[in-house]
N, C-alpha and C. Protein backbone atom coordinates (compact mmCIF):
# COMPACT_ATOMS: atom_id res chain seq x y z
N MET A 1 -17.62 37.01 -31.85
CA MET A 1 -18.10 35.69 -32.21
C MET A 1 -17.25 35.18 -33.36
N ALA A 2 -16.94 33.89 -33.35
CA ALA A 2 -16.12 33.29 -34.40
C ALA A 2 -16.87 33.30 -35.72
N LYS A 3 -16.09 33.30 -36.80
CA LYS A 3 -16.69 33.36 -38.14
C LYS A 3 -17.67 32.21 -38.38
N GLY A 4 -17.31 31.00 -37.96
CA GLY A 4 -18.18 29.84 -38.15
C GLY A 4 -19.51 30.00 -37.44
N LYS A 5 -19.47 30.56 -36.21
CA LYS A 5 -20.70 30.77 -35.45
C LYS A 5 -21.56 31.86 -36.09
N GLN A 6 -20.91 32.90 -36.63
CA GLN A 6 -21.65 33.94 -37.33
C GLN A 6 -22.35 33.36 -38.55
N ASN A 7 -21.65 32.51 -39.29
CA ASN A 7 -22.24 31.90 -40.47
C ASN A 7 -23.42 31.02 -40.09
N MET A 8 -23.27 30.26 -39.00
CA MET A 8 -24.37 29.40 -38.56
C MET A 8 -25.57 30.24 -38.15
N ALA A 9 -25.32 31.35 -37.49
CA ALA A 9 -26.40 32.24 -37.10
C ALA A 9 -27.12 32.79 -38.32
N LYS A 10 -26.36 33.15 -39.36
CA LYS A 10 -26.97 33.65 -40.60
C LYS A 10 -27.83 32.58 -41.25
N VAL A 11 -27.31 31.35 -41.30
CA VAL A 11 -28.08 30.24 -41.91
C VAL A 11 -29.34 29.98 -41.10
N ALA A 12 -29.22 29.95 -39.78
CA ALA A 12 -30.39 29.70 -38.93
C ALA A 12 -31.43 30.81 -39.10
N THR A 13 -30.98 32.05 -39.19
CA THR A 13 -31.90 33.17 -39.41
C THR A 13 -32.59 33.05 -40.76
N LEU A 14 -31.82 32.72 -41.78
CA LEU A 14 -32.39 32.54 -43.11
C LEU A 14 -33.44 31.43 -43.11
N LEU A 15 -33.15 30.32 -42.47
CA LEU A 15 -34.11 29.22 -42.40
C LEU A 15 -35.36 29.62 -41.64
N SER A 16 -35.21 30.43 -40.62
CA SER A 16 -36.38 30.92 -39.87
C SER A 16 -37.26 31.78 -40.76
N PHE A 17 -36.65 32.67 -41.54
CA PHE A 17 -37.43 33.50 -42.45
C PHE A 17 -38.11 32.68 -43.53
N VAL A 18 -37.43 31.68 -44.04
CA VAL A 18 -38.03 30.80 -45.05
C VAL A 18 -39.22 30.06 -44.45
N SER A 19 -39.08 29.58 -43.23
CA SER A 19 -40.19 28.89 -42.56
C SER A 19 -41.37 29.83 -42.35
N MET A 20 -41.09 31.06 -41.92
CA MET A 20 -42.14 32.03 -41.70
C MET A 20 -42.86 32.35 -43.02
N PHE A 21 -42.09 32.56 -44.08
CA PHE A 21 -42.68 32.83 -45.39
C PHE A 21 -43.55 31.65 -45.83
N SER A 22 -43.07 30.45 -45.58
CA SER A 22 -43.81 29.25 -45.95
C SER A 22 -45.16 29.19 -45.23
N LEU A 23 -45.17 29.53 -43.95
CA LEU A 23 -46.42 29.53 -43.19
C LEU A 23 -47.40 30.57 -43.73
N ILE A 24 -46.89 31.74 -44.03
CA ILE A 24 -47.76 32.80 -44.57
C ILE A 24 -48.30 32.38 -45.93
N PHE A 25 -47.44 31.82 -46.77
CA PHE A 25 -47.88 31.37 -48.09
C PHE A 25 -48.92 30.26 -47.97
N SER A 26 -48.74 29.36 -47.02
CA SER A 26 -49.71 28.27 -46.80
C SER A 26 -51.07 28.83 -46.41
N PHE A 27 -51.07 29.84 -45.55
CA PHE A 27 -52.33 30.46 -45.14
C PHE A 27 -53.04 31.09 -46.34
N VAL A 28 -52.30 31.82 -47.15
CA VAL A 28 -52.87 32.44 -48.35
C VAL A 28 -53.39 31.35 -49.30
N GLN A 29 -52.62 30.29 -49.48
CA GLN A 29 -53.04 29.20 -50.36
C GLN A 29 -54.35 28.60 -49.88
N GLU A 30 -54.46 28.32 -48.59
CA GLU A 30 -55.69 27.75 -48.04
C GLU A 30 -56.87 28.70 -48.20
N SER A 31 -56.63 29.98 -48.02
CA SER A 31 -57.70 30.97 -48.17
C SER A 31 -58.20 31.02 -49.61
N VAL A 32 -57.29 31.04 -50.56
CA VAL A 32 -57.67 31.07 -51.98
C VAL A 32 -58.40 29.77 -52.35
N PHE A 33 -57.89 28.66 -51.88
CA PHE A 33 -58.51 27.36 -52.15
C PHE A 33 -59.94 27.34 -51.62
N ALA A 34 -60.15 27.80 -50.38
CA ALA A 34 -61.48 27.82 -49.79
C ALA A 34 -62.41 28.78 -50.54
N TYR A 35 -61.88 29.91 -50.99
CA TYR A 35 -62.69 30.88 -51.71
C TYR A 35 -63.21 30.30 -53.03
N PHE A 36 -62.34 29.64 -53.78
CA PHE A 36 -62.74 29.14 -55.10
C PHE A 36 -63.47 27.80 -55.05
N PHE A 37 -63.14 26.95 -54.12
CA PHE A 37 -63.71 25.60 -54.13
C PHE A 37 -64.66 25.33 -52.98
N GLY A 38 -64.66 26.16 -51.95
CA GLY A 38 -65.57 25.96 -50.83
C GLY A 38 -65.24 24.70 -50.06
N ALA A 39 -66.24 24.22 -49.34
CA ALA A 39 -66.07 23.00 -48.55
C ALA A 39 -66.97 21.91 -49.13
N SER A 40 -66.36 20.81 -49.49
CA SER A 40 -67.11 19.68 -50.02
C SER A 40 -66.33 18.42 -49.73
N GLN A 41 -66.89 17.28 -50.10
CA GLN A 41 -66.19 16.02 -49.90
C GLN A 41 -64.90 15.98 -50.72
N LEU A 42 -64.93 16.55 -51.92
CA LEU A 42 -63.73 16.53 -52.75
C LEU A 42 -62.63 17.43 -52.20
N THR A 43 -63.00 18.58 -51.67
CA THR A 43 -61.96 19.43 -51.07
C THR A 43 -61.42 18.78 -49.80
N ASP A 44 -62.29 18.11 -49.04
CA ASP A 44 -61.82 17.37 -47.87
C ASP A 44 -60.85 16.26 -48.29
N ALA A 45 -61.20 15.55 -49.36
CA ALA A 45 -60.33 14.48 -49.86
C ALA A 45 -58.99 15.03 -50.28
N TYR A 46 -59.01 16.15 -50.99
CA TYR A 46 -57.76 16.78 -51.43
C TYR A 46 -56.90 17.18 -50.23
N ASN A 47 -57.53 17.84 -49.26
CA ASN A 47 -56.78 18.31 -48.09
C ASN A 47 -56.18 17.15 -47.30
N VAL A 48 -56.93 16.08 -47.13
CA VAL A 48 -56.41 14.91 -46.42
C VAL A 48 -55.25 14.31 -47.20
N ALA A 49 -55.42 14.15 -48.50
CA ALA A 49 -54.38 13.53 -49.33
C ALA A 49 -53.10 14.34 -49.34
N ILE A 50 -53.19 15.63 -49.28
CA ILE A 50 -52.00 16.49 -49.28
C ILE A 50 -51.36 16.53 -47.89
N GLN A 51 -52.17 16.57 -46.86
CA GLN A 51 -51.65 16.72 -45.51
C GLN A 51 -50.95 15.47 -44.97
N ILE A 52 -51.37 14.29 -45.39
CA ILE A 52 -50.74 13.07 -44.89
C ILE A 52 -49.25 13.03 -45.22
N PRO A 53 -48.85 13.15 -46.50
CA PRO A 53 -47.41 13.12 -46.76
C PRO A 53 -46.66 14.30 -46.15
N ILE A 54 -47.30 15.45 -46.11
CA ILE A 54 -46.65 16.61 -45.51
C ILE A 54 -46.38 16.35 -44.03
N THR A 55 -47.35 15.79 -43.34
CA THR A 55 -47.19 15.49 -41.93
C THR A 55 -46.10 14.45 -41.70
N VAL A 56 -46.15 13.36 -42.44
CA VAL A 56 -45.18 12.28 -42.27
C VAL A 56 -43.78 12.74 -42.63
N PHE A 57 -43.62 13.39 -43.76
CA PHE A 57 -42.29 13.77 -44.21
C PHE A 57 -41.77 15.05 -43.55
N SER A 58 -42.64 15.78 -42.84
CA SER A 58 -42.12 16.94 -42.11
C SER A 58 -41.19 16.49 -40.99
N LEU A 59 -41.42 15.28 -40.50
CA LEU A 59 -40.50 14.72 -39.50
C LEU A 59 -39.10 14.56 -40.10
N ILE A 60 -39.05 14.08 -41.33
CA ILE A 60 -37.77 13.92 -42.01
C ILE A 60 -37.14 15.29 -42.25
N SER A 61 -37.93 16.24 -42.71
CA SER A 61 -37.41 17.58 -42.97
C SER A 61 -36.87 18.23 -41.71
N THR A 62 -37.58 18.07 -40.61
CA THR A 62 -37.12 18.63 -39.35
C THR A 62 -35.80 17.97 -38.94
N GLY A 63 -35.72 16.67 -39.11
CA GLY A 63 -34.48 15.97 -38.81
C GLY A 63 -33.34 16.44 -39.68
N ILE A 64 -33.63 16.63 -40.94
CA ILE A 64 -32.60 17.11 -41.86
C ILE A 64 -32.08 18.47 -41.41
N THR A 65 -33.00 19.37 -41.10
CA THR A 65 -32.61 20.71 -40.70
C THR A 65 -31.80 20.69 -39.40
N ASN A 66 -32.24 19.89 -38.45
CA ASN A 66 -31.59 19.87 -37.14
C ASN A 66 -30.30 19.06 -37.11
N ILE A 67 -30.13 18.15 -38.04
CA ILE A 67 -28.93 17.30 -38.06
C ILE A 67 -27.94 17.78 -39.11
N VAL A 68 -28.44 18.13 -40.28
CA VAL A 68 -27.55 18.46 -41.39
C VAL A 68 -26.71 19.70 -41.11
N ILE A 69 -27.33 20.74 -40.62
CA ILE A 69 -26.59 21.99 -40.44
C ILE A 69 -25.38 21.80 -39.53
N PRO A 70 -25.56 21.27 -38.32
CA PRO A 70 -24.37 21.12 -37.48
C PRO A 70 -23.36 20.11 -38.02
N CYS A 71 -23.84 18.98 -38.51
CA CYS A 71 -22.92 17.94 -38.98
C CYS A 71 -22.20 18.34 -40.26
N TYR A 72 -22.92 18.92 -41.19
CA TYR A 72 -22.30 19.36 -42.44
C TYR A 72 -21.29 20.48 -42.15
N SER A 73 -21.69 21.41 -41.28
CA SER A 73 -20.78 22.50 -40.92
C SER A 73 -19.52 21.96 -40.26
N LYS A 74 -19.69 20.99 -39.39
CA LYS A 74 -18.54 20.38 -38.72
C LYS A 74 -17.59 19.76 -39.73
N GLU A 75 -18.15 19.03 -40.69
CA GLU A 75 -17.32 18.42 -41.73
C GLU A 75 -16.61 19.50 -42.56
N LEU A 76 -17.34 20.54 -42.87
CA LEU A 76 -16.80 21.60 -43.73
C LEU A 76 -15.71 22.39 -43.03
N TYR A 77 -15.93 22.76 -41.78
CA TYR A 77 -14.98 23.64 -41.10
C TYR A 77 -13.86 22.90 -40.37
N LYS A 78 -14.13 21.71 -39.87
CA LYS A 78 -13.09 20.98 -39.14
C LYS A 78 -12.27 20.07 -40.03
N LYS A 79 -12.85 19.65 -41.15
CA LYS A 79 -12.11 18.78 -42.06
C LYS A 79 -11.87 19.56 -43.35
N ASP A 80 -12.60 19.19 -44.39
CA ASP A 80 -12.43 19.91 -45.66
C ASP A 80 -13.70 19.82 -46.48
N ARG A 81 -13.70 20.52 -47.61
CA ARG A 81 -14.87 20.57 -48.48
C ARG A 81 -15.21 19.18 -49.06
N GLU A 82 -14.21 18.39 -49.37
CA GLU A 82 -14.46 17.04 -49.91
C GLU A 82 -15.16 16.16 -48.89
N SER A 83 -14.74 16.24 -47.66
CA SER A 83 -15.37 15.46 -46.59
C SER A 83 -16.84 15.90 -46.43
N ALA A 84 -17.08 17.19 -46.51
CA ALA A 84 -18.45 17.70 -46.40
C ALA A 84 -19.30 17.24 -47.58
N LYS A 85 -18.71 17.21 -48.77
CA LYS A 85 -19.45 16.74 -49.95
C LYS A 85 -19.80 15.25 -49.80
N ARG A 86 -18.86 14.47 -49.29
CA ARG A 86 -19.14 13.04 -49.06
C ARG A 86 -20.25 12.87 -48.03
N TYR A 87 -20.21 13.67 -46.99
CA TYR A 87 -21.25 13.62 -45.96
C TYR A 87 -22.62 13.91 -46.58
N ALA A 88 -22.71 14.99 -47.36
CA ALA A 88 -23.98 15.36 -47.99
C ALA A 88 -24.44 14.27 -48.96
N SER A 89 -23.51 13.72 -49.70
CA SER A 89 -23.85 12.65 -50.65
C SER A 89 -24.39 11.42 -49.93
N ASN A 90 -23.72 11.04 -48.84
CA ASN A 90 -24.19 9.89 -48.06
C ASN A 90 -25.56 10.17 -47.45
N LEU A 91 -25.75 11.37 -46.96
CA LEU A 91 -27.03 11.74 -46.38
C LEU A 91 -28.14 11.69 -47.43
N ILE A 92 -27.87 12.20 -48.60
CA ILE A 92 -28.86 12.16 -49.68
C ILE A 92 -29.20 10.71 -50.02
N SER A 93 -28.20 9.85 -50.06
CA SER A 93 -28.44 8.42 -50.35
C SER A 93 -29.32 7.78 -49.27
N ILE A 94 -29.03 8.04 -48.02
CA ILE A 94 -29.81 7.46 -46.92
C ILE A 94 -31.24 7.97 -46.96
N ILE A 95 -31.40 9.28 -47.11
CA ILE A 95 -32.75 9.86 -47.13
C ILE A 95 -33.52 9.35 -48.35
N THR A 96 -32.85 9.21 -49.47
CA THR A 96 -33.51 8.68 -50.67
C THR A 96 -33.99 7.26 -50.42
N PHE A 97 -33.15 6.44 -49.82
CA PHE A 97 -33.51 5.06 -49.54
C PHE A 97 -34.70 4.99 -48.58
N VAL A 98 -34.64 5.73 -47.48
CA VAL A 98 -35.74 5.73 -46.51
C VAL A 98 -37.02 6.29 -47.13
N SER A 99 -36.88 7.35 -47.90
CA SER A 99 -38.05 7.94 -48.56
C SER A 99 -38.67 6.98 -49.56
N LEU A 100 -37.83 6.27 -50.31
CA LEU A 100 -38.36 5.29 -51.27
C LEU A 100 -39.12 4.18 -50.56
N ILE A 101 -38.61 3.73 -49.43
CA ILE A 101 -39.33 2.70 -48.67
C ILE A 101 -40.68 3.24 -48.20
N LEU A 102 -40.68 4.46 -47.67
CA LEU A 102 -41.95 5.05 -47.23
C LEU A 102 -42.91 5.27 -48.39
N ILE A 103 -42.39 5.63 -49.55
CA ILE A 103 -43.24 5.82 -50.73
C ILE A 103 -43.86 4.50 -51.16
N VAL A 104 -43.07 3.44 -51.20
CA VAL A 104 -43.59 2.12 -51.59
C VAL A 104 -44.66 1.66 -50.59
N VAL A 105 -44.39 1.82 -49.30
CA VAL A 105 -45.39 1.45 -48.28
C VAL A 105 -46.66 2.29 -48.47
N GLY A 106 -46.48 3.59 -48.71
CA GLY A 106 -47.63 4.47 -48.94
C GLY A 106 -48.42 4.08 -50.17
N GLU A 107 -47.74 3.70 -51.23
CA GLU A 107 -48.43 3.28 -52.45
C GLU A 107 -49.20 1.98 -52.23
N LEU A 108 -48.58 1.05 -51.51
CA LEU A 108 -49.22 -0.25 -51.29
C LEU A 108 -50.39 -0.17 -50.31
N PHE A 109 -50.23 0.63 -49.27
CA PHE A 109 -51.23 0.68 -48.22
C PHE A 109 -51.91 2.04 -48.12
N GLY A 110 -51.98 2.76 -49.24
CA GLY A 110 -52.57 4.09 -49.26
C GLY A 110 -53.97 4.16 -48.71
N ASN A 111 -54.79 3.19 -49.06
CA ASN A 111 -56.18 3.18 -48.61
C ASN A 111 -56.25 3.10 -47.09
N TYR A 112 -55.42 2.27 -46.49
CA TYR A 112 -55.41 2.12 -45.03
C TYR A 112 -54.83 3.36 -44.34
N ILE A 113 -53.84 3.95 -44.97
CA ILE A 113 -53.23 5.15 -44.39
C ILE A 113 -54.25 6.29 -44.37
N VAL A 114 -54.99 6.46 -45.47
CA VAL A 114 -56.04 7.48 -45.52
C VAL A 114 -57.10 7.18 -44.47
N LEU A 115 -57.42 5.91 -44.30
CA LEU A 115 -58.42 5.52 -43.30
C LEU A 115 -57.95 5.88 -41.88
N VAL A 116 -56.67 5.73 -41.60
CA VAL A 116 -56.13 6.07 -40.28
C VAL A 116 -56.18 7.58 -40.05
N PHE A 117 -55.82 8.37 -41.07
CA PHE A 117 -55.78 9.82 -40.91
C PHE A 117 -57.16 10.47 -41.02
N ALA A 118 -58.07 9.83 -41.72
CA ALA A 118 -59.43 10.38 -41.89
C ALA A 118 -60.44 9.26 -41.73
N PRO A 119 -60.65 8.79 -40.50
CA PRO A 119 -61.51 7.62 -40.28
C PRO A 119 -62.97 7.84 -40.67
N GLY A 120 -63.46 9.06 -40.64
CA GLY A 120 -64.85 9.32 -40.98
C GLY A 120 -65.10 9.46 -42.47
N MET A 121 -64.05 9.50 -43.25
CA MET A 121 -64.19 9.70 -44.68
C MET A 121 -64.52 8.36 -45.34
N GLY A 122 -65.51 8.37 -46.16
CA GLY A 122 -65.89 7.11 -46.80
C GLY A 122 -66.22 7.29 -48.26
N GLY A 123 -66.47 6.19 -48.91
CA GLY A 123 -66.93 6.18 -50.29
C GLY A 123 -66.00 6.86 -51.27
N MET A 124 -66.63 7.69 -52.11
CA MET A 124 -65.90 8.34 -53.19
C MET A 124 -64.81 9.28 -52.66
N ALA A 125 -65.09 9.96 -51.55
CA ALA A 125 -64.12 10.91 -51.00
C ALA A 125 -62.85 10.17 -50.56
N ARG A 126 -62.99 9.02 -49.91
CA ARG A 126 -61.80 8.27 -49.48
C ARG A 126 -61.04 7.72 -50.68
N GLU A 127 -61.76 7.25 -51.68
CA GLU A 127 -61.11 6.75 -52.89
C GLU A 127 -60.34 7.88 -53.59
N CYS A 128 -60.94 9.04 -53.67
CA CYS A 128 -60.29 10.21 -54.28
C CYS A 128 -59.06 10.61 -53.46
N ALA A 129 -59.20 10.64 -52.13
CA ALA A 129 -58.08 11.00 -51.25
C ALA A 129 -56.93 10.00 -51.41
N THR A 130 -57.27 8.73 -51.52
CA THR A 130 -56.24 7.70 -51.69
C THR A 130 -55.50 7.89 -53.01
N ASN A 131 -56.22 8.17 -54.08
CA ASN A 131 -55.59 8.36 -55.39
C ASN A 131 -54.69 9.59 -55.41
N VAL A 132 -55.16 10.69 -54.83
CA VAL A 132 -54.34 11.91 -54.78
C VAL A 132 -53.13 11.69 -53.88
N PHE A 133 -53.33 11.01 -52.76
CA PHE A 133 -52.23 10.68 -51.85
C PHE A 133 -51.14 9.90 -52.58
N ARG A 134 -51.54 8.91 -53.34
CA ARG A 134 -50.58 8.10 -54.09
C ARG A 134 -49.86 8.91 -55.17
N LEU A 135 -50.53 9.89 -55.74
CA LEU A 135 -49.90 10.75 -56.74
C LEU A 135 -48.89 11.71 -56.12
N VAL A 136 -49.18 12.19 -54.91
CA VAL A 136 -48.34 13.19 -54.26
C VAL A 136 -47.09 12.57 -53.63
N LEU A 137 -47.17 11.34 -53.19
CA LEU A 137 -46.06 10.70 -52.47
C LEU A 137 -44.69 10.86 -53.14
N PRO A 138 -44.53 10.57 -54.43
CA PRO A 138 -43.19 10.67 -55.03
C PRO A 138 -42.59 12.08 -55.01
N THR A 139 -43.43 13.09 -54.97
CA THR A 139 -42.89 14.46 -54.97
C THR A 139 -42.15 14.78 -53.67
N ILE A 140 -42.49 14.06 -52.62
CA ILE A 140 -41.86 14.31 -51.33
C ILE A 140 -40.38 13.96 -51.37
N LEU A 141 -40.01 12.93 -52.09
CA LEU A 141 -38.60 12.54 -52.22
C LEU A 141 -37.78 13.69 -52.80
N LEU A 142 -38.28 14.29 -53.85
CA LEU A 142 -37.57 15.41 -54.47
C LEU A 142 -37.49 16.60 -53.53
N THR A 143 -38.53 16.82 -52.75
CA THR A 143 -38.54 17.90 -51.78
C THR A 143 -37.46 17.70 -50.73
N GLU A 144 -37.31 16.47 -50.25
CA GLU A 144 -36.29 16.19 -49.23
C GLU A 144 -34.88 16.42 -49.78
N ILE A 145 -34.64 15.95 -50.98
CA ILE A 145 -33.32 16.15 -51.59
C ILE A 145 -33.06 17.63 -51.82
N MET A 146 -34.08 18.36 -52.24
CA MET A 146 -33.95 19.80 -52.45
C MET A 146 -33.63 20.50 -51.13
N ASN A 147 -34.27 20.08 -50.03
CA ASN A 147 -34.00 20.68 -48.72
C ASN A 147 -32.53 20.52 -48.34
N ILE A 148 -31.99 19.34 -48.55
CA ILE A 148 -30.58 19.11 -48.22
C ILE A 148 -29.69 20.01 -49.06
N ASN A 149 -29.96 20.10 -50.34
CA ASN A 149 -29.13 20.93 -51.23
C ASN A 149 -29.24 22.41 -50.90
N ILE A 150 -30.41 22.87 -50.53
CA ILE A 150 -30.56 24.28 -50.14
C ILE A 150 -29.72 24.57 -48.91
N ILE A 151 -29.82 23.71 -47.91
CA ILE A 151 -29.04 23.91 -46.69
C ILE A 151 -27.55 23.87 -47.00
N LYS A 152 -27.14 22.88 -47.80
CA LYS A 152 -25.73 22.74 -48.15
C LYS A 152 -25.23 23.98 -48.89
N ASN A 153 -26.01 24.48 -49.83
CA ASN A 153 -25.60 25.65 -50.60
C ASN A 153 -25.54 26.90 -49.72
N GLU A 154 -26.48 27.04 -48.78
CA GLU A 154 -26.45 28.20 -47.89
C GLU A 154 -25.22 28.17 -47.00
N ILE A 155 -24.87 27.00 -46.49
CA ILE A 155 -23.69 26.90 -45.64
C ILE A 155 -22.43 27.20 -46.46
N ASN A 156 -22.35 26.67 -47.68
CA ASN A 156 -21.18 26.89 -48.51
C ASN A 156 -21.02 28.35 -48.93
N ARG A 157 -22.13 29.07 -48.97
CA ARG A 157 -22.10 30.46 -49.40
C ARG A 157 -21.38 31.35 -48.39
N PHE A 158 -21.39 30.96 -47.13
CA PHE A 158 -20.78 31.80 -46.09
C PHE A 158 -19.34 31.51 -45.91
């Protein structure tokens, strides 16, 4: 197998292990959360508020993983390191712009978004979910940029 293909296989394997670890950690987190806080309107509000951005932005993360690795690798191996850096920089700019638009829309229409994802939630629980949702939204932008940099660094390491 060519060196480039071996490196891609290593990166793909590493990403698979990271995903698996993330799922296990999420399960443990949910178990600890349920043990200490139980089930109530506030825990439901928290879970809804956290899951909405995760669900929406997981589409972006999946796209990043499925597009960045082959395209960045192509730039790096077929052209040069500078071309790959420009590609990553442009990608970060585009994702930042799209994420900022989604964050602004989420901030403006947070109440309606929570209503769509949790139609049965009302009163104080929906208000709490909306407030937590609005607080969590900006962190997603940093997560997306971090994902790109992690992938870029892993590819460069090989």
